Amino acid sequence: MNKEQKTDKDFMRKAIALSRKGMQSNAGGPFGAIVVKDGKIIGEGYNQVTSTNDPTAHAEIVAIRNATNNIGSFQLDDCTIYSSCEPCPMCLGAIYWARPKRLVFAGSRQDAAAADFDDEFIYEELTLPIDKRKIKTNQVLQKEAKAVFDEWMAKNDKTAY
């Protein structure tokens, strides 16, 4: 067994322990995540959706917020995110925006679905044209919104990301 596999397993055990801790404390669903940089945990979290009434308080989001706050950066360069379960579409999007170098997960989305956490409908919705999605969606004031994007493009003191 090489060192990398052992390290991944050790870090994953921490993410799984967080999933259990959050679940047992009734903070939310059974999901945990950590962010690791240079072999050190820089952020962690467990699902807090029901305890905070925040549908975005998934373990990965909480861990990303914790990590970015701890390092003072909105990007997780050279980091690895360990998640106790395959991330949902929202978390996967956040992970991509945070730009870690790796993602490692334990449980599958099929495992989550078997426990009544079925994200498949969101994955399916994202492939549909906007007018075919379950949530009615309308676009208004595109030109006014685009004007702000034009201002962004011309802004000289912006922080690019």
N, C-alpha and C. Protein backbone atom coordinates (compact mmCIF):
# COMPACT_ATOMS: atom_id res chain seq x y z
N MET A 1 0.86 -1.18 0.00
CA MET A 1 0.00 0.00 0.00
C MET A 1 0.90 1.24 0.00
N ASN A 2 0.69 2.14 -0.97
CA ASN A 2 1.54 3.32 -0.99
C ASN A 2 0.99 4.40 -0.06
N LYS A 3 1.83 5.37 0.21
CA LYS A 3 1.50 6.41 1.18
C LYS A 3 0.27 7.23 0.76
N GLU A 4 0.13 7.51 -0.52
CA GLU A 4 -1.00 8.33 -1.00
C GLU A 4 -2.33 7.66 -0.69
N GLN A 5 -2.43 6.37 -0.91
CA GLN A 5 -3.67 5.66 -0.62
C GLN A 5 -3.98 5.71 0.87
N LYS A 6 -2.97 5.51 1.71
CA LYS A 6 -3.16 5.57 3.15
C LYS A 6 -3.62 6.96 3.56
N THR A 7 -2.99 7.97 3.01
CA THR A 7 -3.36 9.35 3.33
C THR A 7 -4.79 9.62 2.91
N ASP A 8 -5.17 9.22 1.72
CA ASP A 8 -6.55 9.41 1.28
C ASP A 8 -7.52 8.72 2.22
N LYS A 9 -7.20 7.52 2.62
CA LYS A 9 -8.08 6.78 3.52
C LYS A 9 -8.18 7.46 4.88
N ASP A 10 -7.05 7.93 5.40
CA ASP A 10 -7.07 8.61 6.69
C ASP A 10 -7.93 9.87 6.63
N PHE A 11 -7.73 10.67 5.60
CA PHE A 11 -8.52 11.89 5.48
C PHE A 11 -9.99 11.57 5.25
N MET A 12 -10.27 10.54 4.47
CA MET A 12 -11.65 10.16 4.23
C MET A 12 -12.33 9.70 5.51
N ARG A 13 -11.60 9.01 6.35
CA ARG A 13 -12.18 8.59 7.64
C ARG A 13 -12.60 9.81 8.46
N LYS A 14 -11.85 10.89 8.38
CA LYS A 14 -12.21 12.13 9.08
C LYS A 14 -13.51 12.71 8.49
N ALA A 15 -13.62 12.72 7.17
CA ALA A 15 -14.84 13.22 6.53
C ALA A 15 -16.05 12.36 6.92
N ILE A 16 -15.85 11.06 6.95
CA ILE A 16 -16.94 10.15 7.33
C ILE A 16 -17.30 10.36 8.81
N ALA A 17 -16.30 10.56 9.66
CA ALA A 17 -16.57 10.83 11.08
C ALA A 17 -17.39 12.11 11.23
N LEU A 18 -17.08 13.13 10.43
CA LEU A 18 -17.86 14.37 10.47
C LEU A 18 -19.30 14.12 10.01
N SER A 19 -19.48 13.26 9.01
CA SER A 19 -20.84 12.96 8.55
C SER A 19 -21.65 12.32 9.68
N ARG A 20 -21.01 11.45 10.42
CA ARG A 20 -21.68 10.80 11.56
C ARG A 20 -21.96 11.82 12.67
N LYS A 21 -20.99 12.67 12.96
CA LYS A 21 -21.14 13.68 14.01
C LYS A 21 -22.32 14.61 13.71
N GLY A 22 -22.39 15.10 12.48
CA GLY A 22 -23.49 15.99 12.11
C GLY A 22 -24.83 15.29 12.17
N MET A 23 -24.88 14.06 11.71
CA MET A 23 -26.12 13.29 11.72
C MET A 23 -26.56 13.03 13.16
N GLN A 24 -25.63 12.57 13.99
CA GLN A 24 -25.99 12.23 15.38
C GLN A 24 -26.40 13.45 16.20
N SER A 25 -25.89 14.62 15.83
CA SER A 25 -26.27 15.84 16.55
C SER A 25 -27.51 16.50 15.95
N ASN A 26 -28.10 15.86 14.95
CA ASN A 26 -29.29 16.36 14.27
C ASN A 26 -29.07 17.71 13.58
N ALA A 27 -27.83 17.95 13.16
CA ALA A 27 -27.52 19.18 12.43
C ALA A 27 -28.06 19.13 11.01
N GLY A 28 -28.11 17.91 10.45
CA GLY A 28 -28.57 17.74 9.08
C GLY A 28 -28.33 16.31 8.63
N GLY A 29 -28.28 16.12 7.34
CA GLY A 29 -28.10 14.79 6.77
C GLY A 29 -26.71 14.23 7.02
N PRO A 30 -26.51 12.95 6.70
CA PRO A 30 -25.26 12.25 7.01
C PRO A 30 -24.15 12.49 5.99
N PHE A 31 -23.66 13.74 5.96
CA PHE A 31 -22.63 14.11 5.00
C PHE A 31 -21.55 14.93 5.70
N GLY A 32 -20.29 14.63 5.38
CA GLY A 32 -19.16 15.36 5.95
C GLY A 32 -18.11 15.61 4.88
N ALA A 33 -17.31 16.64 5.09
CA ALA A 33 -16.27 16.98 4.12
C ALA A 33 -15.12 17.71 4.83
N ILE A 34 -13.93 17.54 4.27
CA ILE A 34 -12.77 18.29 4.73
C ILE A 34 -11.99 18.80 3.52
N VAL A 35 -11.21 19.83 3.76
CA VAL A 35 -10.31 20.38 2.75
C VAL A 35 -8.89 20.26 3.29
N VAL A 36 -8.01 19.69 2.48
CA VAL A 36 -6.63 19.42 2.90
C VAL A 36 -5.67 20.14 1.97
N LYS A 37 -4.67 20.78 2.57
CA LYS A 37 -3.60 21.41 1.80
C LYS A 37 -2.28 21.06 2.47
N ASP A 38 -1.35 20.58 1.67
CA ASP A 38 -0.02 20.21 2.17
C ASP A 38 -0.11 19.25 3.36
N GLY A 39 -1.03 18.31 3.29
CA GLY A 39 -1.17 17.30 4.33
C GLY A 39 -1.87 17.76 5.59
N LYS A 40 -2.40 18.98 5.60
CA LYS A 40 -3.03 19.55 6.79
C LYS A 40 -4.49 19.89 6.49
N ILE A 41 -5.38 19.59 7.41
CA ILE A 41 -6.79 19.95 7.26
C ILE A 41 -6.92 21.45 7.48
N ILE A 42 -7.43 22.16 6.45
CA ILE A 42 -7.60 23.61 6.57
C ILE A 42 -9.07 24.01 6.64
N GLY A 43 -9.96 23.05 6.45
CA GLY A 43 -11.39 23.33 6.55
C GLY A 43 -12.16 22.05 6.71
N GLU A 44 -13.27 22.14 7.41
CA GLU A 44 -14.11 20.97 7.58
C GLU A 44 -15.57 21.40 7.74
N GLY A 45 -16.45 20.44 7.52
CA GLY A 45 -17.85 20.74 7.70
C GLY A 45 -18.70 19.49 7.61
N TYR A 46 -19.88 19.60 8.15
CA TYR A 46 -20.89 18.56 7.99
C TYR A 46 -22.19 19.24 7.62
N ASN A 47 -23.12 18.47 7.11
CA ASN A 47 -24.38 19.01 6.64
C ASN A 47 -25.11 19.68 7.79
N GLN A 48 -25.56 20.93 7.55
CA GLN A 48 -26.27 21.72 8.56
C GLN A 48 -27.57 22.30 7.99
N VAL A 49 -28.11 21.65 6.98
CA VAL A 49 -29.29 22.18 6.30
C VAL A 49 -30.45 22.38 7.26
N THR A 50 -30.81 21.35 8.02
CA THR A 50 -32.01 21.45 8.85
C THR A 50 -31.80 22.27 10.11
N SER A 51 -30.59 22.28 10.64
CA SER A 51 -30.34 23.04 11.87
C SER A 51 -30.18 24.54 11.62
N THR A 52 -29.85 24.92 10.40
CA THR A 52 -29.67 26.34 10.08
C THR A 52 -30.75 26.87 9.14
N ASN A 53 -31.65 25.97 8.70
CA ASN A 53 -32.67 26.34 7.72
C ASN A 53 -32.05 26.95 6.47
N ASP A 54 -30.91 26.41 6.07
CA ASP A 54 -30.17 26.89 4.91
C ASP A 54 -29.98 25.73 3.94
N PRO A 55 -30.71 25.73 2.82
CA PRO A 55 -30.60 24.61 1.87
C PRO A 55 -29.23 24.52 1.21
N THR A 56 -28.38 25.53 1.37
CA THR A 56 -27.03 25.48 0.79
C THR A 56 -25.99 25.00 1.80
N ALA A 57 -26.39 24.70 3.02
CA ALA A 57 -25.43 24.33 4.07
C ALA A 57 -25.05 22.85 3.99
N HIS A 58 -24.71 22.41 2.79
CA HIS A 58 -24.21 21.04 2.59
C HIS A 58 -22.78 20.96 3.13
N ALA A 59 -22.35 19.76 3.44
CA ALA A 59 -21.03 19.56 4.04
C ALA A 59 -19.91 20.18 3.22
N GLU A 60 -19.94 19.97 1.90
CA GLU A 60 -18.87 20.48 1.05
C GLU A 60 -18.85 22.01 1.05
N ILE A 61 -20.02 22.62 1.01
CA ILE A 61 -20.11 24.09 1.03
C ILE A 61 -19.57 24.63 2.36
N VAL A 62 -20.00 24.01 3.46
CA VAL A 62 -19.53 24.43 4.78
C VAL A 62 -18.01 24.29 4.88
N ALA A 63 -17.48 23.17 4.39
CA ALA A 63 -16.03 22.95 4.44
C ALA A 63 -15.28 23.95 3.57
N ILE A 64 -15.80 24.24 2.39
CA ILE A 64 -15.18 25.23 1.51
C ILE A 64 -15.18 26.60 2.16
N ARG A 65 -16.31 27.00 2.74
CA ARG A 65 -16.38 28.31 3.41
C ARG A 65 -15.40 28.37 4.57
N ASN A 66 -15.32 27.29 5.33
CA ASN A 66 -14.40 27.24 6.46
C ASN A 66 -12.95 27.35 5.98
N ALA A 67 -12.61 26.60 4.95
CA ALA A 67 -11.24 26.60 4.43
C ALA A 67 -10.85 27.95 3.84
N THR A 68 -11.71 28.52 3.01
CA THR A 68 -11.36 29.78 2.37
C THR A 68 -11.24 30.90 3.41
N ASN A 69 -12.07 30.84 4.43
CA ASN A 69 -11.95 31.81 5.52
C ASN A 69 -10.62 31.62 6.25
N ASN A 70 -10.25 30.38 6.49
CA ASN A 70 -9.01 30.10 7.22
C ASN A 70 -7.75 30.51 6.46
N ILE A 71 -7.78 30.40 5.14
CA ILE A 71 -6.58 30.74 4.36
C ILE A 71 -6.64 32.14 3.75
N GLY A 72 -7.80 32.80 3.86
CA GLY A 72 -7.91 34.16 3.34
C GLY A 72 -7.87 34.24 1.83
N SER A 73 -8.46 33.24 1.16
CA SER A 73 -8.49 33.22 -0.30
C SER A 73 -9.79 32.57 -0.76
N PHE A 74 -10.29 33.02 -1.90
CA PHE A 74 -11.53 32.43 -2.43
C PHE A 74 -11.24 31.22 -3.31
N GLN A 75 -9.99 30.87 -3.46
CA GLN A 75 -9.63 29.69 -4.25
C GLN A 75 -8.85 28.71 -3.39
N LEU A 76 -9.05 27.44 -3.66
CA LEU A 76 -8.39 26.37 -2.91
C LEU A 76 -7.31 25.71 -3.76
N ASP A 77 -6.41 26.54 -4.28
CA ASP A 77 -5.30 26.04 -5.09
C ASP A 77 -4.52 24.98 -4.31
N ASP A 78 -4.13 23.92 -5.03
CA ASP A 78 -3.31 22.85 -4.46
C ASP A 78 -3.96 22.14 -3.27
N CYS A 79 -5.28 22.18 -3.19
CA CYS A 79 -6.01 21.51 -2.11
C CYS A 79 -6.72 20.27 -2.63
N THR A 80 -7.06 19.39 -1.70
CA THR A 80 -7.89 18.24 -1.99
C THR A 80 -9.12 18.31 -1.10
N ILE A 81 -10.28 18.09 -1.70
CA ILE A 81 -11.53 18.03 -0.94
C ILE A 81 -11.91 16.57 -0.80
N TYR A 82 -12.15 16.17 0.44
CA TYR A 82 -12.61 14.82 0.75
C TYR A 82 -14.07 14.93 1.19
N SER A 83 -14.94 14.22 0.52
CA SER A 83 -16.35 14.24 0.82
C SER A 83 -16.82 12.82 1.14
N SER A 84 -17.64 12.70 2.16
CA SER A 84 -18.12 11.38 2.54
C SER A 84 -19.03 10.76 1.49
N CYS A 85 -19.49 11.59 0.54
CA CYS A 85 -20.37 11.10 -0.52
C CYS A 85 -20.12 11.89 -1.80
N GLU A 86 -20.41 11.28 -2.92
CA GLU A 86 -20.31 11.96 -4.21
C GLU A 86 -21.12 13.26 -4.14
N PRO A 87 -20.52 14.39 -4.45
CA PRO A 87 -21.22 15.67 -4.30
C PRO A 87 -22.44 15.82 -5.21
N CYS A 88 -23.44 16.51 -4.68
CA CYS A 88 -24.62 16.86 -5.47
C CYS A 88 -24.22 17.92 -6.50
N PRO A 89 -25.11 18.24 -7.44
CA PRO A 89 -24.76 19.25 -8.45
C PRO A 89 -24.37 20.61 -7.87
N MET A 90 -25.04 21.06 -6.82
CA MET A 90 -24.70 22.35 -6.22
C MET A 90 -23.29 22.31 -5.65
N CYS A 91 -22.99 21.26 -4.90
CA CYS A 91 -21.66 21.15 -4.29
C CYS A 91 -20.58 20.95 -5.34
N LEU A 92 -20.89 20.17 -6.35
CA LEU A 92 -19.91 19.97 -7.42
C LEU A 92 -19.60 21.30 -8.10
N GLY A 93 -20.62 22.11 -8.32
CA GLY A 93 -20.39 23.44 -8.89
C GLY A 93 -19.51 24.29 -7.98
N ALA A 94 -19.79 24.27 -6.68
CA ALA A 94 -18.97 25.04 -5.74
C ALA A 94 -17.53 24.55 -5.71
N ILE A 95 -17.37 23.24 -5.80
CA ILE A 95 -16.03 22.66 -5.82
C ILE A 95 -15.27 23.16 -7.05
N TYR A 96 -15.92 23.14 -8.20
CA TYR A 96 -15.25 23.64 -9.40
C TYR A 96 -14.90 25.12 -9.26
N TRP A 97 -15.79 25.92 -8.68
CA TRP A 97 -15.50 27.34 -8.49
C TRP A 97 -14.34 27.54 -7.53
N ALA A 98 -14.20 26.67 -6.54
CA ALA A 98 -13.10 26.80 -5.56
C ALA A 98 -11.76 26.36 -6.14
N ARG A 99 -11.79 25.60 -7.22
CA ARG A 99 -10.60 25.19 -7.97
C ARG A 99 -9.57 24.38 -7.18
N PRO A 100 -10.01 23.35 -6.45
CA PRO A 100 -9.00 22.48 -5.83
C PRO A 100 -8.32 21.64 -6.90
N LYS A 101 -7.23 20.99 -6.53
CA LYS A 101 -6.56 20.13 -7.51
C LYS A 101 -7.20 18.75 -7.57
N ARG A 102 -7.87 18.33 -6.47
CA ARG A 102 -8.46 16.99 -6.43
C ARG A 102 -9.75 16.98 -5.64
N LEU A 103 -10.58 16.01 -5.97
CA LEU A 103 -11.78 15.67 -5.21
C LEU A 103 -11.75 14.17 -4.97
N VAL A 104 -11.96 13.76 -3.73
CA VAL A 104 -12.02 12.35 -3.38
C VAL A 104 -13.32 12.15 -2.62
N PHE A 105 -14.12 11.15 -3.02
CA PHE A 105 -15.36 10.90 -2.30
C PHE A 105 -15.48 9.43 -1.95
N ALA A 106 -16.35 9.13 -0.99
CA ALA A 106 -16.55 7.75 -0.51
C ALA A 106 -17.84 7.18 -1.07
N GLY A 107 -18.98 7.51 -0.47
CA GLY A 107 -20.25 6.98 -0.92
C GLY A 107 -20.62 7.49 -2.30
N SER A 108 -21.42 6.70 -3.01
CA SER A 108 -21.86 7.11 -4.35
C SER A 108 -23.20 7.83 -4.29
N ARG A 109 -23.56 8.48 -5.36
CA ARG A 109 -24.88 9.12 -5.38
C ARG A 109 -25.99 8.08 -5.36
N GLN A 110 -25.70 6.86 -5.79
CA GLN A 110 -26.68 5.77 -5.68
C GLN A 110 -26.86 5.37 -4.21
N ASP A 111 -25.77 5.39 -3.43
CA ASP A 111 -25.86 5.12 -1.99
C ASP A 111 -26.74 6.18 -1.33
N ALA A 112 -26.54 7.43 -1.70
CA ALA A 112 -27.34 8.52 -1.14
C ALA A 112 -28.80 8.37 -1.53
N ALA A 113 -29.06 8.01 -2.77
CA ALA A 113 -30.44 7.83 -3.23
C ALA A 113 -31.13 6.71 -2.45
N ALA A 114 -30.41 5.66 -2.14
CA ALA A 114 -30.97 4.55 -1.37
C ALA A 114 -31.34 4.99 0.05
N ALA A 115 -30.74 6.10 0.52
CA ALA A 115 -31.05 6.66 1.84
C ALA A 115 -31.98 7.86 1.73
N ASP A 116 -32.69 7.97 0.60
CA ASP A 116 -33.67 9.03 0.33
C ASP A 116 -33.05 10.41 0.10
N PHE A 117 -31.81 10.46 -0.35
CA PHE A 117 -31.18 11.71 -0.78
C PHE A 117 -30.93 11.59 -2.28
N ASP A 118 -31.98 11.76 -3.05
CA ASP A 118 -31.89 11.49 -4.49
C ASP A 118 -31.69 12.78 -5.26
N ASP A 119 -30.46 13.02 -5.70
CA ASP A 119 -30.11 14.22 -6.46
C ASP A 119 -30.28 14.02 -7.96
N GLU A 120 -30.67 12.82 -8.36
CA GLU A 120 -30.74 12.50 -9.79
C GLU A 120 -31.66 13.45 -10.54
N PHE A 121 -32.76 13.87 -9.89
CA PHE A 121 -33.68 14.76 -10.59
C PHE A 121 -33.02 16.10 -10.92
N ILE A 122 -32.07 16.55 -10.08
CA ILE A 122 -31.36 17.80 -10.37
C ILE A 122 -30.40 17.59 -11.53
N TYR A 123 -29.68 16.48 -11.51
CA TYR A 123 -28.80 16.16 -12.63
C TYR A 123 -29.60 16.15 -13.93
N GLU A 124 -30.80 15.56 -13.91
CA GLU A 124 -31.65 15.49 -15.11
C GLU A 124 -32.16 16.87 -15.51
N GLU A 125 -32.58 17.67 -14.53
CA GLU A 125 -33.09 19.01 -14.81
C GLU A 125 -32.05 19.87 -15.53
N LEU A 126 -30.79 19.74 -15.14
CA LEU A 126 -29.74 20.56 -15.73
C LEU A 126 -29.52 20.27 -17.22
N THR A 127 -29.95 19.10 -17.67
CA THR A 127 -29.79 18.76 -19.08
C THR A 127 -30.95 19.25 -19.94
N LEU A 128 -32.04 19.70 -19.30
CA LEU A 128 -33.23 20.12 -20.04
C LEU A 128 -33.13 21.57 -20.50
N PRO A 129 -33.81 21.90 -21.59
CA PRO A 129 -33.93 23.31 -21.96
C PRO A 129 -34.67 24.05 -20.83
N ILE A 130 -34.38 25.31 -20.66
CA ILE A 130 -34.96 26.09 -19.56
C ILE A 130 -36.48 25.97 -19.53
N ASP A 131 -37.13 26.02 -20.67
CA ASP A 131 -38.60 25.98 -20.68
C ASP A 131 -39.19 24.61 -20.38
N LYS A 132 -38.36 23.60 -20.23
CA LYS A 132 -38.83 22.24 -19.91
C LYS A 132 -38.56 21.86 -18.45
N ARG A 133 -37.93 22.74 -17.69
CA ARG A 133 -37.58 22.42 -16.31
C ARG A 133 -38.79 22.54 -15.38
N LYS A 134 -38.71 21.84 -14.27
CA LYS A 134 -39.81 21.78 -13.31
C LYS A 134 -40.11 23.14 -12.69
N ILE A 135 -39.07 23.92 -12.37
CA ILE A 135 -39.26 25.26 -11.82
C ILE A 135 -39.42 26.22 -12.99
N LYS A 136 -40.58 26.88 -13.05
CA LYS A 136 -40.83 27.83 -14.12
C LYS A 136 -39.79 28.94 -14.06
N THR A 137 -39.14 29.20 -15.18
CA THR A 137 -38.06 30.17 -15.25
C THR A 137 -38.31 31.16 -16.38
N ASN A 138 -38.16 32.44 -16.07
CA ASN A 138 -38.34 33.49 -17.07
C ASN A 138 -37.13 34.41 -17.08
N GLN A 139 -36.79 34.91 -18.23
CA GLN A 139 -35.70 35.87 -18.35
C GLN A 139 -36.29 37.24 -18.63
N VAL A 140 -35.88 38.25 -17.85
CA VAL A 140 -36.33 39.62 -18.05
C VAL A 140 -35.14 40.57 -17.87
N LEU A 141 -35.18 41.72 -18.49
CA LEU A 141 -34.19 42.80 -18.35
C LEU A 141 -32.76 42.37 -18.68
N GLN A 142 -32.61 41.57 -19.71
CA GLN A 142 -31.29 41.09 -20.10
C GLN A 142 -30.35 42.26 -20.44
N LYS A 143 -30.84 43.25 -21.18
CA LYS A 143 -29.97 44.36 -21.58
C LYS A 143 -29.46 45.14 -20.37
N GLU A 144 -30.33 45.34 -19.37
CA GLU A 144 -29.90 46.06 -18.16
C GLU A 144 -28.85 45.25 -17.39
N ALA A 145 -29.04 43.96 -17.32
CA ALA A 145 -28.07 43.11 -16.63
C ALA A 145 -26.77 43.05 -17.41
N LYS A 146 -26.85 42.98 -18.74
CA LYS A 146 -25.65 42.93 -19.56
C LYS A 146 -24.82 44.20 -19.41
N ALA A 147 -25.48 45.34 -19.19
CA ALA A 147 -24.76 46.60 -19.00
C ALA A 147 -23.81 46.51 -17.81
N VAL A 148 -24.23 45.81 -16.76
CA VAL A 148 -23.35 45.64 -15.59
C VAL A 148 -22.16 44.76 -15.95
N PHE A 149 -22.37 43.71 -16.75
CA PHE A 149 -21.25 42.89 -17.22
C PHE A 149 -20.28 43.73 -18.05
N ASP A 150 -20.81 44.62 -18.87
CA ASP A 150 -19.95 45.50 -19.66
C ASP A 150 -19.11 46.40 -18.75
N GLU A 151 -19.74 46.91 -17.68
CA GLU A 151 -19.00 47.72 -16.71
C GLU A 151 -17.91 46.89 -16.04
N TRP A 152 -18.22 45.64 -15.73
CA TRP A 152 -17.23 44.74 -15.12
C TRP A 152 -16.02 44.58 -16.04
N MET A 153 -16.29 44.36 -17.32
CA MET A 153 -15.21 44.17 -18.27
C MET A 153 -14.31 45.39 -18.37
N ALA A 154 -14.88 46.57 -18.17
CA ALA A 154 -14.10 47.81 -18.26
C ALA A 154 -13.46 48.21 -16.93
N LYS A 155 -13.84 47.56 -15.86
CA LYS A 155 -13.35 47.92 -14.52
C LYS A 155 -11.87 47.56 -14.40
N ASN A 156 -11.06 48.55 -14.01
CA ASN A 156 -9.62 48.36 -13.93
C ASN A 156 -9.15 47.79 -12.59
N ASP A 157 -9.94 47.95 -11.55
CA ASP A 157 -9.49 47.51 -10.22
C ASP A 157 -10.21 46.26 -9.73
N LYS A 158 -10.69 45.43 -10.64
CA LYS A 158 -11.41 44.22 -10.23
C LYS A 158 -10.43 43.11 -9.83
N THR A 159 -10.92 42.22 -8.99
CA THR A 159 -10.16 41.01 -8.65
C THR A 159 -10.71 39.90 -9.51
N ALA A 160 -9.92 39.46 -10.44
CA ALA A 160 -10.37 38.40 -11.37
C ALA A 160 -10.42 37.05 -10.65
N TYR A 161 -11.36 36.24 -11.08
CA TYR A 161 -11.43 34.88 -10.55
C TYR A 161 -11.94 33.91 -11.55
